[in-house]
Amino acid sequence: TEAAQSMLDSMRDTLEDPVSITMLE
């Protein structure tokens, strides 16, 4: 998730909406 954060930030900037990663627990 630390490594993925920059990809999430870029995706958020592209779509202009919040993005998330979730896992099953």
mmCIF file of all heavy atoms, coordinates in Angstrom:
data_MODEL
# 
_entry.id   MODEL 
# 
loop_
_atom_site.group_PDB 
_atom_site.id 
_atom_site.type_symbol 
_atom_site.label_atom_id 
_atom_site.label_alt_id 
_atom_site.label_comp_id 
_atom_site.label_asym_id 
_atom_site.label_entity_id 
_atom_site.label_seq_id 
_atom_site.pdbx_PDB_ins_code 
_atom_site.Cartn_x 
_atom_site.Cartn_y 
_atom_site.Cartn_z 
_atom_site.occupancy 
_atom_site.B_iso_or_equiv 
_atom_site.pdbx_formal_charge 
_atom_site.auth_seq_id 
_atom_site.auth_comp_id 
_atom_site.auth_asym_id 
_atom_site.auth_atom_id 
_atom_site.pdbx_PDB_model_num 
ATOM 1   N N   . THR A 1 1  ? 0.814   -1.205  0.000   1.00 0.00 ? 1  THR A N   1 
ATOM 2   C CA  . THR A 1 1  ? 0.000   0.000   0.000   1.00 0.00 ? 1  THR A CA  1 
ATOM 3   C C   . THR A 1 1  ? 0.854   1.263   0.000   1.00 0.00 ? 1  THR A C   1 
ATOM 4   O O   . THR A 1 1  ? 0.475   2.273   -0.603  1.00 0.00 ? 1  THR A O   1 
ATOM 5   C CB  . THR A 1 1  ? -0.954  0.020   1.212   1.00 0.00 ? 1  THR A CB  1 
ATOM 6   O OG1 . THR A 1 1  ? -0.203  -0.156  2.418   1.00 0.00 ? 1  THR A OG1 1 
ATOM 7   C CG2 . THR A 1 1  ? -1.989  -1.083  1.093   1.00 0.00 ? 1  THR A CG2 1 
ATOM 8   N N   . GLU A 1 2  ? 2.000   1.196   0.664   1.00 0.00 ? 2  GLU A N   1 
ATOM 9   C CA  . GLU A 1 2  ? 2.906   2.346   0.622   1.00 0.00 ? 2  GLU A CA  1 
ATOM 10  C C   . GLU A 1 2  ? 3.411   2.569   -0.801  1.00 0.00 ? 2  GLU A C   1 
ATOM 11  O O   . GLU A 1 2  ? 3.453   3.701   -1.292  1.00 0.00 ? 2  GLU A O   1 
ATOM 12  C CB  . GLU A 1 2  ? 4.071   2.129   1.579   1.00 0.00 ? 2  GLU A CB  1 
ATOM 13  C CG  . GLU A 1 2  ? 3.678   2.210   3.046   1.00 0.00 ? 2  GLU A CG  1 
ATOM 14  C CD  . GLU A 1 2  ? 4.822   1.832   3.974   1.00 0.00 ? 2  GLU A CD  1 
ATOM 15  O OE1 . GLU A 1 2  ? 5.883   1.416   3.463   1.00 0.00 ? 2  GLU A OE1 1 
ATOM 16  O OE2 . GLU A 1 2  ? 4.644   1.956   5.196   1.00 0.00 ? 2  GLU A OE2 1 
ATOM 17  N N   . ALA A 1 3  ? 3.790   1.481   -1.467  1.00 0.00 ? 3  ALA A N   1 
ATOM 18  C CA  . ALA A 1 3  ? 4.273   1.595   -2.843  1.00 0.00 ? 3  ALA A CA  1 
ATOM 19  C C   . ALA A 1 3  ? 3.165   2.019   -3.796  1.00 0.00 ? 3  ALA A C   1 
ATOM 20  O O   . ALA A 1 3  ? 3.422   2.674   -4.810  1.00 0.00 ? 3  ALA A O   1 
ATOM 21  C CB  . ALA A 1 3  ? 4.871   0.260   -3.293  1.00 0.00 ? 3  ALA A CB  1 
ATOM 22  N N   . ALA A 1 4  ? 1.919   1.652   -3.473  1.00 0.00 ? 4  ALA A N   1 
ATOM 23  C CA  . ALA A 1 4  ? 0.788   1.947   -4.363  1.00 0.00 ? 4  ALA A CA  1 
ATOM 24  C C   . ALA A 1 4  ? 0.270   3.368   -4.216  1.00 0.00 ? 4  ALA A C   1 
ATOM 25  O O   . ALA A 1 4  ? -0.480  3.844   -5.080  1.00 0.00 ? 4  ALA A O   1 
ATOM 26  C CB  . ALA A 1 4  ? -0.345  0.970   -4.086  1.00 0.00 ? 4  ALA A CB  1 
ATOM 27  N N   . GLN A 1 5  ? 0.654   4.068   -3.160  1.00 0.00 ? 5  GLN A N   1 
ATOM 28  C CA  . GLN A 1 5  ? 0.034   5.359   -2.870  1.00 0.00 ? 5  GLN A CA  1 
ATOM 29  C C   . GLN A 1 5  ? 0.193   6.371   -4.002  1.00 0.00 ? 5  GLN A C   1 
ATOM 30  O O   . GLN A 1 5  ? -0.745  7.107   -4.332  1.00 0.00 ? 5  GLN A O   1 
ATOM 31  C CB  . GLN A 1 5  ? 0.599   5.939   -1.573  1.00 0.00 ? 5  GLN A CB  1 
ATOM 32  C CG  . GLN A 1 5  ? -0.159  7.175   -1.082  1.00 0.00 ? 5  GLN A CG  1 
ATOM 33  C CD  . GLN A 1 5  ? -1.611  6.883   -0.768  1.00 0.00 ? 5  GLN A CD  1 
ATOM 34  O OE1 . GLN A 1 5  ? -1.916  5.940   -0.047  1.00 0.00 ? 5  GLN A OE1 1 
ATOM 35  N NE2 . GLN A 1 5  ? -2.521  7.694   -1.322  1.00 0.00 ? 5  GLN A NE2 1 
ATOM 36  N N   . SER A 1 6  ? 1.365   6.417   -4.616  1.00 0.00 ? 6  SER A N   1 
ATOM 37  C CA  . SER A 1 6  ? 1.563   7.386   -5.703  1.00 0.00 ? 6  SER A CA  1 
ATOM 38  C C   . SER A 1 6  ? 0.655   7.070   -6.890  1.00 0.00 ? 6  SER A C   1 
ATOM 39  O O   . SER A 1 6  ? 0.178   7.987   -7.577  1.00 0.00 ? 6  SER A O   1 
ATOM 40  C CB  . SER A 1 6  ? 3.030   7.403   -6.144  1.00 0.00 ? 6  SER A CB  1 
ATOM 41  O OG  . SER A 1 6  ? 3.419   6.140   -6.662  1.00 0.00 ? 6  SER A OG  1 
ATOM 42  N N   . MET A 1 7  ? 0.381   5.798   -7.134  1.00 0.00 ? 7  MET A N   1 
ATOM 43  C CA  . MET A 1 7  ? -0.528  5.415   -8.206  1.00 0.00 ? 7  MET A CA  1 
ATOM 44  C C   . MET A 1 7  ? -1.958  5.837   -7.874  1.00 0.00 ? 7  MET A C   1 
ATOM 45  O O   . MET A 1 7  ? -2.708  6.288   -8.750  1.00 0.00 ? 7  MET A O   1 
ATOM 46  C CB  . MET A 1 7  ? -0.446  3.904   -8.454  1.00 0.00 ? 7  MET A CB  1 
ATOM 47  C CG  . MET A 1 7  ? 0.934   3.457   -8.933  1.00 0.00 ? 7  MET A CG  1 
ATOM 48  S SD  . MET A 1 7  ? 1.098   1.652   -9.045  1.00 0.00 ? 7  MET A SD  1 
ATOM 49  C CE  . MET A 1 7  ? -0.026  1.290   -10.375 1.00 0.00 ? 7  MET A CE  1 
ATOM 50  N N   . LEU A 1 8  ? -2.333  5.712   -6.609  1.00 0.00 ? 8  LEU A N   1 
ATOM 51  C CA  . LEU A 1 8  ? -3.660  6.163   -6.193  1.00 0.00 ? 8  LEU A CA  1 
ATOM 52  C C   . LEU A 1 8  ? -3.786  7.675   -6.337  1.00 0.00 ? 8  LEU A C   1 
ATOM 53  O O   . LEU A 1 8  ? -4.818  8.183   -6.800  1.00 0.00 ? 8  LEU A O   1 
ATOM 54  C CB  . LEU A 1 8  ? -3.924  5.764   -4.740  1.00 0.00 ? 8  LEU A CB  1 
ATOM 55  C CG  . LEU A 1 8  ? -4.009  4.277   -4.412  1.00 0.00 ? 8  LEU A CG  1 
ATOM 56  C CD1 . LEU A 1 8  ? -4.383  4.091   -2.951  1.00 0.00 ? 8  LEU A CD1 1 
ATOM 57  C CD2 . LEU A 1 8  ? -4.995  3.560   -5.301  1.00 0.00 ? 8  LEU A CD2 1 
ATOM 58  N N   . ASP A 1 9  ? -2.739  8.396   -5.950  1.00 0.00 ? 9  ASP A N   1 
ATOM 59  C CA  . ASP A 1 9  ? -2.771  9.855   -6.066  1.00 0.00 ? 9  ASP A CA  1 
ATOM 60  C C   . ASP A 1 9  ? -2.932  10.286  -7.522  1.00 0.00 ? 9  ASP A C   1 
ATOM 61  O O   . ASP A 1 9  ? -3.708  11.204  -7.828  1.00 0.00 ? 9  ASP A O   1 
ATOM 62  C CB  . ASP A 1 9  ? -1.492  10.458  -5.488  1.00 0.00 ? 9  ASP A CB  1 
ATOM 63  C CG  . ASP A 1 9  ? -1.384  10.265  -3.983  1.00 0.00 ? 9  ASP A CG  1 
ATOM 64  O OD1 . ASP A 1 9  ? -2.416  10.000  -3.337  1.00 0.00 ? 9  ASP A OD1 1 
ATOM 65  O OD2 . ASP A 1 9  ? -0.255  10.376  -3.455  1.00 0.00 ? 9  ASP A OD2 1 
ATOM 66  N N   . SER A 1 10 ? -2.210  9.610   -8.417  1.00 0.00 ? 10 SER A N   1 
ATOM 67  C CA  . SER A 1 10 ? -2.301  9.942   -9.835  1.00 0.00 ? 10 SER A CA  1 
ATOM 68  C C   . SER A 1 10 ? -3.688  9.638   -10.389 1.00 0.00 ? 10 SER A C   1 
ATOM 69  O O   . SER A 1 10 ? -4.263  10.431  -11.153 1.00 0.00 ? 10 SER A O   1 
ATOM 70  C CB  . SER A 1 10 ? -1.244  9.151   -10.617 1.00 0.00 ? 10 SER A CB  1 
ATOM 71  O OG  . SER A 1 10 ? -1.359  9.391   -11.996 1.00 0.00 ? 10 SER A OG  1 
ATOM 72  N N   . MET A 1 11 ? -4.256  8.521   -9.999  1.00 0.00 ? 11 MET A N   1 
ATOM 73  C CA  . MET A 1 11 ? -5.595  8.149   -10.448 1.00 0.00 ? 11 MET A CA  1 
ATOM 74  C C   . MET A 1 11 ? -6.636  9.137   -9.923  1.00 0.00 ? 11 MET A C   1 
ATOM 75  O O   . MET A 1 11 ? -7.563  9.533   -10.636 1.00 0.00 ? 11 MET A O   1 
ATOM 76  C CB  . MET A 1 11 ? -5.906  6.733   -9.980  1.00 0.00 ? 11 MET A CB  1 
ATOM 77  C CG  . MET A 1 11 ? -7.231  6.180   -10.458 1.00 0.00 ? 11 MET A CG  1 
ATOM 78  S SD  . MET A 1 11 ? -7.433  4.470   -9.912  1.00 0.00 ? 11 MET A SD  1 
ATOM 79  C CE  . MET A 1 11 ? -9.167  4.222   -10.331 1.00 0.00 ? 11 MET A CE  1 
ATOM 80  N N   . ARG A 1 12 ? -6.490  9.547   -8.678  1.00 0.00 ? 12 ARG A N   1 
ATOM 81  C CA  . ARG A 1 12 ? -7.381  10.544  -8.104  1.00 0.00 ? 12 ARG A CA  1 
ATOM 82  C C   . ARG A 1 12 ? -7.328  11.854  -8.879  1.00 0.00 ? 12 ARG A C   1 
ATOM 83  O O   . ARG A 1 12 ? -8.354  12.471  -9.172  1.00 0.00 ? 12 ARG A O   1 
ATOM 84  C CB  . ARG A 1 12 ? -6.994  10.781  -6.646  1.00 0.00 ? 12 ARG A CB  1 
ATOM 85  C CG  . ARG A 1 12 ? -7.845  11.806  -5.925  1.00 0.00 ? 12 ARG A CG  1 
ATOM 86  C CD  . ARG A 1 12 ? -7.109  12.951  -5.251  1.00 0.00 ? 12 ARG A CD  1 
ATOM 87  N NE  . ARG A 1 12 ? -5.720  13.126  -5.517  1.00 0.00 ? 12 ARG A NE  1 
ATOM 88  C CZ  . ARG A 1 12 ? -4.787  13.161  -4.572  1.00 0.00 ? 12 ARG A CZ  1 
ATOM 89  N NH1 . ARG A 1 12 ? -5.108  12.960  -3.305  1.00 0.00 ? 12 ARG A NH1 1 
ATOM 90  N NH2 . ARG A 1 12 ? -3.529  13.401  -4.890  1.00 0.00 ? 12 ARG A NH2 1 
ATOM 91  N N   . ASP A 1 13 ? -6.127  12.271  -9.258  1.00 0.00 ? 13 ASP A N   1 
ATOM 92  C CA  . ASP A 1 13 ? -5.983  13.511  -10.014 1.00 0.00 ? 13 ASP A CA  1 
ATOM 93  C C   . ASP A 1 13 ? -6.610  13.402  -11.400 1.00 0.00 ? 13 ASP A C   1 
ATOM 94  O O   . ASP A 1 13 ? -7.151  14.380  -11.927 1.00 0.00 ? 13 ASP A O   1 
ATOM 95  C CB  . ASP A 1 13 ? -4.505  13.878  -10.133 1.00 0.00 ? 13 ASP A CB  1 
ATOM 96  C CG  . ASP A 1 13 ? -3.870  14.208  -8.788  1.00 0.00 ? 13 ASP A CG  1 
ATOM 97  O OD1 . ASP A 1 13 ? -4.631  14.473  -7.833  1.00 0.00 ? 13 ASP A OD1 1 
ATOM 98  O OD2 . ASP A 1 13 ? -2.633  14.179  -8.693  1.00 0.00 ? 13 ASP A OD2 1 
ATOM 99  N N   . THR A 1 14 ? -6.535  12.212  -11.999 1.00 0.00 ? 14 THR A N   1 
ATOM 100 C CA  . THR A 1 14 ? -7.112  11.999  -13.325 1.00 0.00 ? 14 THR A CA  1 
ATOM 101 C C   . THR A 1 14 ? -8.641  12.026  -13.283 1.00 0.00 ? 14 THR A C   1 
ATOM 102 O O   . THR A 1 14 ? -9.289  12.681  -14.101 1.00 0.00 ? 14 THR A O   1 
ATOM 103 C CB  . THR A 1 14 ? -6.639  10.660  -13.916 1.00 0.00 ? 14 THR A CB  1 
ATOM 104 O OG1 . THR A 1 14 ? -5.227  10.695  -14.062 1.00 0.00 ? 14 THR A OG1 1 
ATOM 105 C CG2 . THR A 1 14 ? -7.285  10.386  -15.271 1.00 0.00 ? 14 THR A CG2 1 
ATOM 106 N N   . LEU A 1 15 ? -9.215  11.323  -12.309 1.00 0.00 ? 15 LEU A N   1 
ATOM 107 C CA  . LEU A 1 15 ? -10.674 11.192  -12.232 1.00 0.00 ? 15 LEU A CA  1 
ATOM 108 C C   . LEU A 1 15 ? -11.322 12.278  -11.385 1.00 0.00 ? 15 LEU A C   1 
ATOM 109 O O   . LEU A 1 15 ? -12.547 12.469  -11.449 1.00 0.00 ? 15 LEU A O   1 
ATOM 110 C CB  . LEU A 1 15 ? -11.040 9.822   -11.666 1.00 0.00 ? 15 LEU A CB  1 
ATOM 111 C CG  . LEU A 1 15 ? -10.593 8.621   -12.494 1.00 0.00 ? 15 LEU A CG  1 
ATOM 112 C CD1 . LEU A 1 15 ? -10.990 7.316   -11.805 1.00 0.00 ? 15 LEU A CD1 1 
ATOM 113 C CD2 . LEU A 1 15 ? -11.194 8.682   -13.902 1.00 0.00 ? 15 LEU A CD2 1 
ATOM 114 N N   . GLU A 1 16 ? -10.525 12.959  -10.587 1.00 0.00 ? 16 GLU A N   1 
ATOM 115 C CA  . GLU A 1 16 ? -11.022 14.014  -9.701  1.00 0.00 ? 16 GLU A CA  1 
ATOM 116 C C   . GLU A 1 16 ? -12.052 13.492  -8.706  1.00 0.00 ? 16 GLU A C   1 
ATOM 117 O O   . GLU A 1 16 ? -13.015 14.170  -8.358  1.00 0.00 ? 16 GLU A O   1 
ATOM 118 C CB  . GLU A 1 16 ? -11.593 15.182  -10.518 1.00 0.00 ? 16 GLU A CB  1 
ATOM 119 C CG  . GLU A 1 16 ? -10.579 15.825  -11.447 1.00 0.00 ? 16 GLU A CG  1 
ATOM 120 C CD  . GLU A 1 16 ? -11.147 16.991  -12.229 1.00 0.00 ? 16 GLU A CD  1 
ATOM 121 O OE1 . GLU A 1 16 ? -12.336 16.913  -12.604 1.00 0.00 ? 16 GLU A OE1 1 
ATOM 122 O OE2 . GLU A 1 16 ? -10.419 17.961  -12.453 1.00 0.00 ? 16 GLU A OE2 1 
ATOM 123 N N   . ASP A 1 17 ? -11.840 12.260  -8.269  1.00 0.00 ? 17 ASP A N   1 
ATOM 124 C CA  . ASP A 1 17 ? -12.675 11.638  -7.252  1.00 0.00 ? 17 ASP A CA  1 
ATOM 125 C C   . ASP A 1 17 ? -11.795 10.751  -6.382  1.00 0.00 ? 17 ASP A C   1 
ATOM 126 O O   . ASP A 1 17 ? -10.731 10.295  -6.829  1.00 0.00 ? 17 ASP A O   1 
ATOM 127 C CB  . ASP A 1 17 ? -13.787 10.801  -7.892  1.00 0.00 ? 17 ASP A CB  1 
ATOM 128 C CG  . ASP A 1 17 ? -15.039 11.622  -8.181  1.00 0.00 ? 17 ASP A CG  1 
ATOM 129 O OD1 . ASP A 1 17 ? -15.501 12.334  -7.272  1.00 0.00 ? 17 ASP A OD1 1 
ATOM 130 O OD2 . ASP A 1 17 ? -15.548 11.549  -9.314  1.00 0.00 ? 17 ASP A OD2 1 
ATOM 131 N N   . PRO A 1 18 ? -12.201 10.469  -5.142  1.00 0.00 ? 18 PRO A N   1 
ATOM 132 C CA  . PRO A 1 18 ? -11.376 9.647   -4.256  1.00 0.00 ? 18 PRO A CA  1 
ATOM 133 C C   . PRO A 1 18 ? -11.278 8.208   -4.742  1.00 0.00 ? 18 PRO A C   1 
ATOM 134 O O   . PRO A 1 18 ? -12.248 7.639   -5.253  1.00 0.00 ? 18 PRO A O   1 
ATOM 135 C CB  . PRO A 1 18 ? -12.106 9.721   -2.911  1.00 0.00 ? 18 PRO A CB  1 
ATOM 136 C CG  . PRO A 1 18 ? -13.497 10.132  -3.238  1.00 0.00 ? 18 PRO A CG  1 
ATOM 137 C CD  . PRO A 1 18 ? -13.410 10.978  -4.449  1.00 0.00 ? 18 PRO A CD  1 
ATOM 138 N N   . VAL A 1 19 ? -10.101 7.623   -4.576  1.00 0.00 ? 19 VAL A N   1 
ATOM 139 C CA  . VAL A 1 19 ? -9.869  6.223   -4.944  1.00 0.00 ? 19 VAL A CA  1 
ATOM 140 C C   . VAL A 1 19 ? -9.288  5.494   -3.736  1.00 0.00 ? 19 VAL A C   1 
ATOM 141 O O   . VAL A 1 19 ? -8.639  6.097   -2.880  1.00 0.00 ? 19 VAL A O   1 
ATOM 142 C CB  . VAL A 1 19 ? -8.931  6.094   -6.161  1.00 0.00 ? 19 VAL A CB  1 
ATOM 143 C CG1 . VAL A 1 19 ? -9.565  6.698   -7.395  1.00 0.00 ? 19 VAL A CG1 1 
ATOM 144 C CG2 . VAL A 1 19 ? -7.584  6.737   -5.886  1.00 0.00 ? 19 VAL A CG2 1 
ATOM 145 N N   . SER A 1 20 ? -9.534  4.188   -3.701  1.00 0.00 ? 20 SER A N   1 
ATOM 146 C CA  . SER A 1 20 ? -9.155  3.407   -2.519  1.00 0.00 ? 20 SER A CA  1 
ATOM 147 C C   . SER A 1 20 ? -8.716  2.004   -2.903  1.00 0.00 ? 20 SER A C   1 
ATOM 148 O O   . SER A 1 20 ? -9.042  1.509   -3.988  1.00 0.00 ? 20 SER A O   1 
ATOM 149 C CB  . SER A 1 20 ? -10.343 3.284   -1.549  1.00 0.00 ? 20 SER A CB  1 
ATOM 150 O OG  . SER A 1 20 ? -10.901 4.539   -1.238  1.00 0.00 ? 20 SER A OG  1 
ATOM 151 N N   . ILE A 1 21 ? -7.989  1.374   -1.993  1.00 0.00 ? 21 ILE A N   1 
ATOM 152 C CA  . ILE A 1 21 ? -7.699  -0.065  -2.067  1.00 0.00 ? 21 ILE A CA  1 
ATOM 153 C C   . ILE A 1 21 ? -8.289  -0.692  -0.813  1.00 0.00 ? 21 ILE A C   1 
ATOM 154 O O   . ILE A 1 21 ? -8.107  -0.177  0.298   1.00 0.00 ? 21 ILE A O   1 
ATOM 155 C CB  . ILE A 1 21 ? -6.195  -0.345  -2.141  1.00 0.00 ? 21 ILE A CB  1 
ATOM 156 C CG1 . ILE A 1 21 ? -5.616  0.198   -3.451  1.00 0.00 ? 21 ILE A CG1 1 
ATOM 157 C CG2 . ILE A 1 21 ? -5.913  -1.842  -2.037  1.00 0.00 ? 21 ILE A CG2 1 
ATOM 158 C CD1 . ILE A 1 21 ? -4.106  0.087   -3.544  1.00 0.00 ? 21 ILE A CD1 1 
ATOM 159 N N   . THR A 1 22 ? -9.007  -1.793  -0.990  1.00 0.00 ? 22 THR A N   1 
ATOM 160 C CA  . THR A 1 22 ? -9.571  -2.513  0.144   1.00 0.00 ? 22 THR A CA  1 
ATOM 161 C C   . THR A 1 22 ? -9.154  -3.976  0.090   1.00 0.00 ? 22 THR A C   1 
ATOM 162 O O   . THR A 1 22 ? -8.803  -4.499  -0.968  1.00 0.00 ? 22 THR A O   1 
ATOM 163 C CB  . THR A 1 22 ? -11.106 -2.445  0.167   1.00 0.00 ? 22 THR A CB  1 
ATOM 164 O OG1 . THR A 1 22 ? -11.622 -3.132  -0.973  1.00 0.00 ? 22 THR A OG1 1 
ATOM 165 C CG2 . THR A 1 22 ? -11.592 -1.008  0.164   1.00 0.00 ? 22 THR A CG2 1 
ATOM 166 N N   . MET A 1 23 ? -9.211  -4.625  1.252   1.00 0.00 ? 23 MET A N   1 
ATOM 167 C CA  . MET A 1 23 ? -8.942  -6.054  1.361   1.00 0.00 ? 23 MET A CA  1 
ATOM 168 C C   . MET A 1 23 ? -10.025 -6.700  2.203   1.00 0.00 ? 23 MET A C   1 
ATOM 169 O O   . MET A 1 23 ? -10.698 -6.024  2.995   1.00 0.00 ? 23 MET A O   1 
ATOM 170 C CB  . MET A 1 23 ? -7.556  -6.304  1.973   1.00 0.00 ? 23 MET A CB  1 
ATOM 171 C CG  . MET A 1 23 ? -6.424  -5.848  1.092   1.00 0.00 ? 23 MET A CG  1 
ATOM 172 S SD  . MET A 1 23 ? -4.805  -6.142  1.855   1.00 0.00 ? 23 MET A SD  1 
ATOM 173 C CE  . MET A 1 23 ? -3.722  -5.487  0.581   1.00 0.00 ? 23 MET A CE  1 
ATOM 174 N N   . LEU A 1 24 ? -10.179 -7.994  2.029   1.00 0.00 ? 24 LEU A N   1 
ATOM 175 C CA  . LEU A 1 24 ? -11.198 -8.740  2.757   1.00 0.00 ? 24 LEU A CA  1 
ATOM 176 C C   . LEU A 1 24 ? -10.689 -9.120  4.137   1.00 0.00 ? 24 LEU A C   1 
ATOM 177 O O   . LEU A 1 24 ? -9.608  -9.689  4.277   1.00 0.00 ? 24 LEU A O   1 
ATOM 178 C CB  . LEU A 1 24 ? -11.570 -9.997  1.966   1.00 0.00 ? 24 LEU A CB  1 
ATOM 179 C CG  . LEU A 1 24 ? -12.748 -10.825 2.493   1.00 0.00 ? 24 LEU A CG  1 
ATOM 180 C CD1 . LEU A 1 24 ? -14.041 -10.024 2.394   1.00 0.00 ? 24 LEU A CD1 1 
ATOM 181 C CD2 . LEU A 1 24 ? -12.871 -12.116 1.695   1.00 0.00 ? 24 LEU A CD2 1 
ATOM 182 N N   . GLU A 1 25 ? -11.466 -8.797  5.152   1.00 0.00 ? 25 GLU A N   1 
ATOM 183 C CA  . GLU A 1 25 ? -11.116 -9.163  6.527   1.00 0.00 ? 25 GLU A CA  1 
ATOM 184 C C   . GLU A 1 25 ? -12.398 -9.389  7.308   1.00 0.00 ? 25 GLU A C   1 
ATOM 185 O O   . GLU A 1 25 ? -13.257 -8.503  7.390   1.00 0.00 ? 25 GLU A O   1 
ATOM 186 C CB  . GLU A 1 25 ? -10.296 -8.064  7.193   1.00 0.00 ? 25 GLU A CB  1 
ATOM 187 C CG  . GLU A 1 25 ? -9.864  -8.395  8.613   1.00 0.00 ? 25 GLU A CG  1 
ATOM 188 C CD  . GLU A 1 25 ? -9.047  -7.278  9.236   1.00 0.00 ? 25 GLU A CD  1 
ATOM 189 O OE1 . GLU A 1 25 ? -8.031  -6.886  8.633   1.00 0.00 ? 25 GLU A OE1 1 
ATOM 190 O OE2 . GLU A 1 25 ? -9.434  -6.798  10.312  1.00 0.00 ? 25 GLU A OE2 1 
# 
